[in-house]
PDB file of N, CA and C in Angstrom:
ATOM      1  N   UNK A   1      -1.179  -4.941 -14.904  1.00  0.00           N
ATOM      2  CA  UNK A   1      -2.197  -5.101 -13.860  1.00  0.00           C
ATOM      3  C   UNK A   1      -2.614  -6.474 -13.417  1.00  0.00           C
ATOM      4  N   UNK A   2      -1.702  -7.530 -14.170  1.00  0.00           N
ATOM      5  CA  UNK A   2      -2.115  -8.836 -13.542  1.00  0.00           C
ATOM      6  C   UNK A   2      -1.398  -8.929 -11.848  1.00  0.00           C
ATOM      7  N   UNK A   3      -0.087  -7.928 -12.013  1.00  0.00           N
ATOM      8  CA  UNK A   3       0.226  -8.226 -10.933  1.00  0.00           C
ATOM      9  C   UNK A   3      -0.706  -7.620  -9.611  1.00  0.00           C
ATOM     10  N   UNK A   4      -1.367  -6.544  -9.798  1.00  0.00           N
ATOM     11  CA  UNK A   4      -2.155  -6.070  -8.937  1.00  0.00           C
ATOM     12  C   UNK A   4      -3.344  -7.198  -8.731  1.00  0.00           C
ATOM     13  N   UNK A   5      -3.891  -7.454  -9.949  1.00  0.00           N
ATOM     14  CA  UNK A   5      -4.759  -8.493  -9.476  1.00  0.00           C
ATOM     15  C   UNK A   5      -4.447  -9.971  -8.737  1.00  0.00           C
ATOM     16  N   UNK A   6      -3.198 -10.381  -8.691  1.00  0.00           N
ATOM     17  CA  UNK A   6      -2.716 -11.436  -8.207  1.00  0.00           C
ATOM     18  C   UNK A   6      -2.822 -11.064  -6.451  1.00  0.00           C
ATOM     19  N   UNK A   7      -2.223  -9.904  -6.222  1.00  0.00           N
ATOM     20  CA  UNK A   7      -2.077  -9.258  -5.213  1.00  0.00           C
ATOM     21  C   UNK A   7      -3.530  -9.637  -4.355  1.00  0.00           C
ATOM     22  N   UNK A   8      -4.452  -8.704  -5.256  1.00  0.00           N
ATOM     23  CA  UNK A   8      -5.768  -8.557  -4.615  1.00  0.00           C
ATOM     24  C   UNK A   8      -6.289 -10.088  -4.225  1.00  0.00           C
ATOM     25  N   UNK A   9      -6.132 -11.087  -4.915  1.00  0.00           N
ATOM     26  CA  UNK A   9      -6.532 -12.379  -4.889  1.00  0.00           C
ATOM     27  C   UNK A   9      -5.976 -13.039  -3.743  1.00  0.00           C
ATOM     28  N   UNK A  10      -4.802 -12.753  -3.003  1.00  0.00           N
ATOM     29  CA  UNK A  10      -4.561 -13.251  -2.246  1.00  0.00           C
ATOM     30  C   UNK A  10      -4.706 -12.430  -0.853  1.00  0.00           C
ATOM     31  N   UNK A  11      -4.493 -13.128   0.298  1.00  0.00           N
ATOM     32  CA  UNK A  11      -4.841 -12.503   1.653  1.00  0.00           C
ATOM     33  C   UNK A  11      -3.914 -11.688   1.921  1.00  0.00           C
ATOM     34  N   UNK A  12      -4.062 -10.580   2.909  1.00  0.00           N
ATOM     35  CA  UNK A  12      -2.865  -9.638   2.894  1.00  0.00           C
ATOM     36  C   UNK A  12      -3.213  -9.340   4.184  1.00  0.00           C
ATOM     37  N   UNK A  13      -2.313  -8.660   4.849  1.00  0.00           N
ATOM     38  CA  UNK A  13      -2.264  -8.174   6.361  1.00  0.00           C
ATOM     39  C   UNK A  13      -2.548  -6.430   5.997  1.00  0.00           C
ATOM     40  N   UNK A  14      -3.015  -5.804   7.017  1.00  0.00           N
ATOM     41  CA  UNK A  14      -2.845  -4.364   7.048  1.00  0.00           C
ATOM     42  C   UNK A  14      -1.742  -3.521   6.368  1.00  0.00           C
ATOM     43  N   UNK A  15      -0.757  -3.909   7.074  1.00  0.00           N
ATOM     44  CA  UNK A  15       0.515  -3.517   7.072  1.00  0.00           C
ATOM     45  C   UNK A  15       1.148  -3.848   5.757  1.00  0.00           C
ATOM     46  N   UNK A  16       0.690  -4.848   4.976  1.00  0.00           N
ATOM     47  CA  UNK A  16       0.800  -4.818   3.413  1.00  0.00           C
ATOM     48  C   UNK A  16       0.010  -4.258   2.541  1.00  0.00           C
ATOM     49  N   UNK A  17      -1.021  -3.963   3.031  1.00  0.00           N
ATOM     50  CA  UNK A  17      -1.979  -2.979   2.283  1.00  0.00           C
ATOM     51  C   UNK A  17      -1.586  -1.400   2.254  1.00  0.00           C
ATOM     52  N   UNK A  18      -0.872  -1.043   3.387  1.00  0.00           N
ATOM     53  CA  UNK A  18      -0.503   0.280   3.698  1.00  0.00           C
ATOM     54  C   UNK A  18       1.010   0.248   2.692  1.00  0.00           C
ATOM     55  N   UNK A  19       1.593  -0.809   2.746  1.00  0.00           N
ATOM     56  CA  UNK A  19       2.887  -0.495   2.083  1.00  0.00           C
ATOM     57  C   UNK A  19       2.765  -0.654   0.156  1.00  0.00           C
ATOM     58  N   UNK A  20       1.686  -1.283  -0.100  1.00  0.00           N
ATOM     59  CA  UNK A  20       1.346  -1.397  -1.315  1.00  0.00           C
ATOM     60  C   UNK A  20       0.464  -0.116  -1.682  1.00  0.00           C
ATOM     61  N   UNK A  21      -0.080   0.493  -0.914  1.00  0.00           N
ATOM     62  CA  UNK A  21      -0.639   1.815  -1.390  1.00  0.00           C
ATOM     63  C   UNK A  21       0.610   3.075  -1.358  1.00  0.00           C
ATOM     64  N   UNK A  22       1.391   2.899  -0.265  1.00  0.00           N
ATOM     65  CA  UNK A  22       2.628   3.891  -0.577  1.00  0.00           C
ATOM     66  C   UNK A  22       3.602   3.571  -1.918  1.00  0.00           C
ATOM     67  N   UNK A  23       3.567   2.175  -2.122  1.00  0.00           N
ATOM     68  CA  UNK A  23       4.250   2.108  -3.424  1.00  0.00           C
ATOM     69  C   UNK A  23       3.298   2.639  -4.802  1.00  0.00           C
ATOM     70  N   UNK A  24       2.319   2.222  -4.571  1.00  0.00           N
ATOM     71  CA  UNK A  24       1.136   2.857  -5.696  1.00  0.00           C
ATOM     72  C   UNK A  24       1.343   4.421  -5.891  1.00  0.00           C
ATOM     73  N   UNK A  25       1.316   5.192  -4.664  1.00  0.00           N
ATOM     74  CA  UNK A  25       1.365   6.592  -4.911  1.00  0.00           C
ATOM     75  C   UNK A  25       2.786   7.115  -5.213  1.00  0.00           C
ATOM     76  N   UNK A  26       3.831   6.288  -4.812  1.00  0.00           N
ATOM     77  CA  UNK A  26       5.262   6.505  -5.197  1.00  0.00           C
ATOM     78  C   UNK A  26       5.452   7.711  -4.281  1.00  0.00           C
ATOM     79  N   UNK A  27       5.577   8.792  -5.287  1.00  0.00           N
ATOM     80  CA  UNK A  27       6.243  10.068  -4.488  1.00  0.00           C
ATOM     81  C   UNK A  27       5.319  10.797  -3.263  1.00  0.00           C
ATOM     82  N   UNK A  28       4.068  10.378  -3.170  1.00  0.00           N
ATOM     83  CA  UNK A  28       3.194  11.009  -2.210  1.00  0.00           C
ATOM     84  C   UNK A  28       3.658  10.433  -0.692  1.00  0.00           C
ATOM     85  N   UNK A  29       4.742   9.739  -0.489  1.00  0.00           N
ATOM     86  CA  UNK A  29       4.903   9.376   1.146  1.00  0.00           C
ATOM     87  C   UNK A  29       4.739  10.382   2.225  1.00  0.00           C
ATOM     88  N   UNK A  30       4.856  11.579   1.881  1.00  0.00           N
ATOM     89  CA  UNK A  30       4.672  12.510   2.895  1.00  0.00           C
ATOM     90  C   UNK A  30       3.357  12.433   3.216  1.00  0.00           C
ATOM     91  N   UNK A  31       2.252  12.581   1.989  1.00  0.00           N
ATOM     92  CA  UNK A  31       0.864  12.420   2.690  1.00  0.00           C
ATOM     93  C   UNK A  31       0.631  11.409   3.263  1.00  0.00           C
ATOM     94  N   UNK A  32       1.130  10.012   2.668  1.00  0.00           N
ATOM     95  CA  UNK A  32       0.807   9.004   3.194  1.00  0.00           C
ATOM     96  C   UNK A  32       0.949   8.731   4.930  1.00  0.00           C
ATOM     97  N   UNK A  33       2.379   9.545   5.307  1.00  0.00           N
ATOM     98  CA  UNK A  33       2.660   9.432   6.660  1.00  0.00           C
ATOM     99  C   UNK A  33       1.770  10.120   7.353  1.00  0.00           C
ATOM    100  N   UNK A  34       0.639  11.140   6.783  1.00  0.00           N
ATOM    101  CA  UNK A  34      -0.509  11.681   7.456  1.00  0.00           C
ATOM    102  C   UNK A  34      -1.421  10.649   7.613  1.00  0.00           C
ATOM    103  N   UNK A  35      -1.832  10.070   6.471  1.00  0.00           N
ATOM    104  CA  UNK A  35      -2.970   9.095   6.336  1.00  0.00           C
ATOM    105  C   UNK A  35      -2.675   7.862   7.324  1.00  0.00           C
ATOM    106  N   UNK A  36      -1.405   7.571   7.016  1.00  0.00           N
ATOM    107  CA  UNK A  36      -1.164   6.221   7.859  1.00  0.00           C
ATOM    108  C   UNK A  36       0.388   6.342   8.425  1.00  0.00           C
ATOM    109  N   UNK A  37       0.215   6.907   9.814  1.00  0.00           N
ATOM    110  CA  UNK A  37       1.235   7.165  10.522  1.00  0.00           C
ATOM    111  C   UNK A  37       2.276   5.549  10.626  1.00  0.00           C
ATOM    112  N   UNK A  38       3.576   6.000  10.659  1.00  0.00           N
ATOM    113  CA  UNK A  38       4.333   4.451  11.160  1.00  0.00           C
ATOM    114  C   UNK A  38       4.167   4.617  12.701  1.00  0.00           C
ATOM    115  N   UNK A  39       4.344   3.273  13.137  1.00  0.00           N
ATOM    116  CA  UNK A  39       4.132   3.016  14.702  1.00  0.00           C
ATOM    117  C   UNK A  39       5.453   3.440  15.169  1.00  0.00           C
TER     118      UNK A  39
END
């Protein structure tokens, strides 16, 4: 969890946020493509 805390403490772009959500959800990438369509 320290890694997550460090990540939240630094500024991040929307793209980094999306990618971190995808990584966190792991196998739910198909659902993520609906929530966060790729450009």
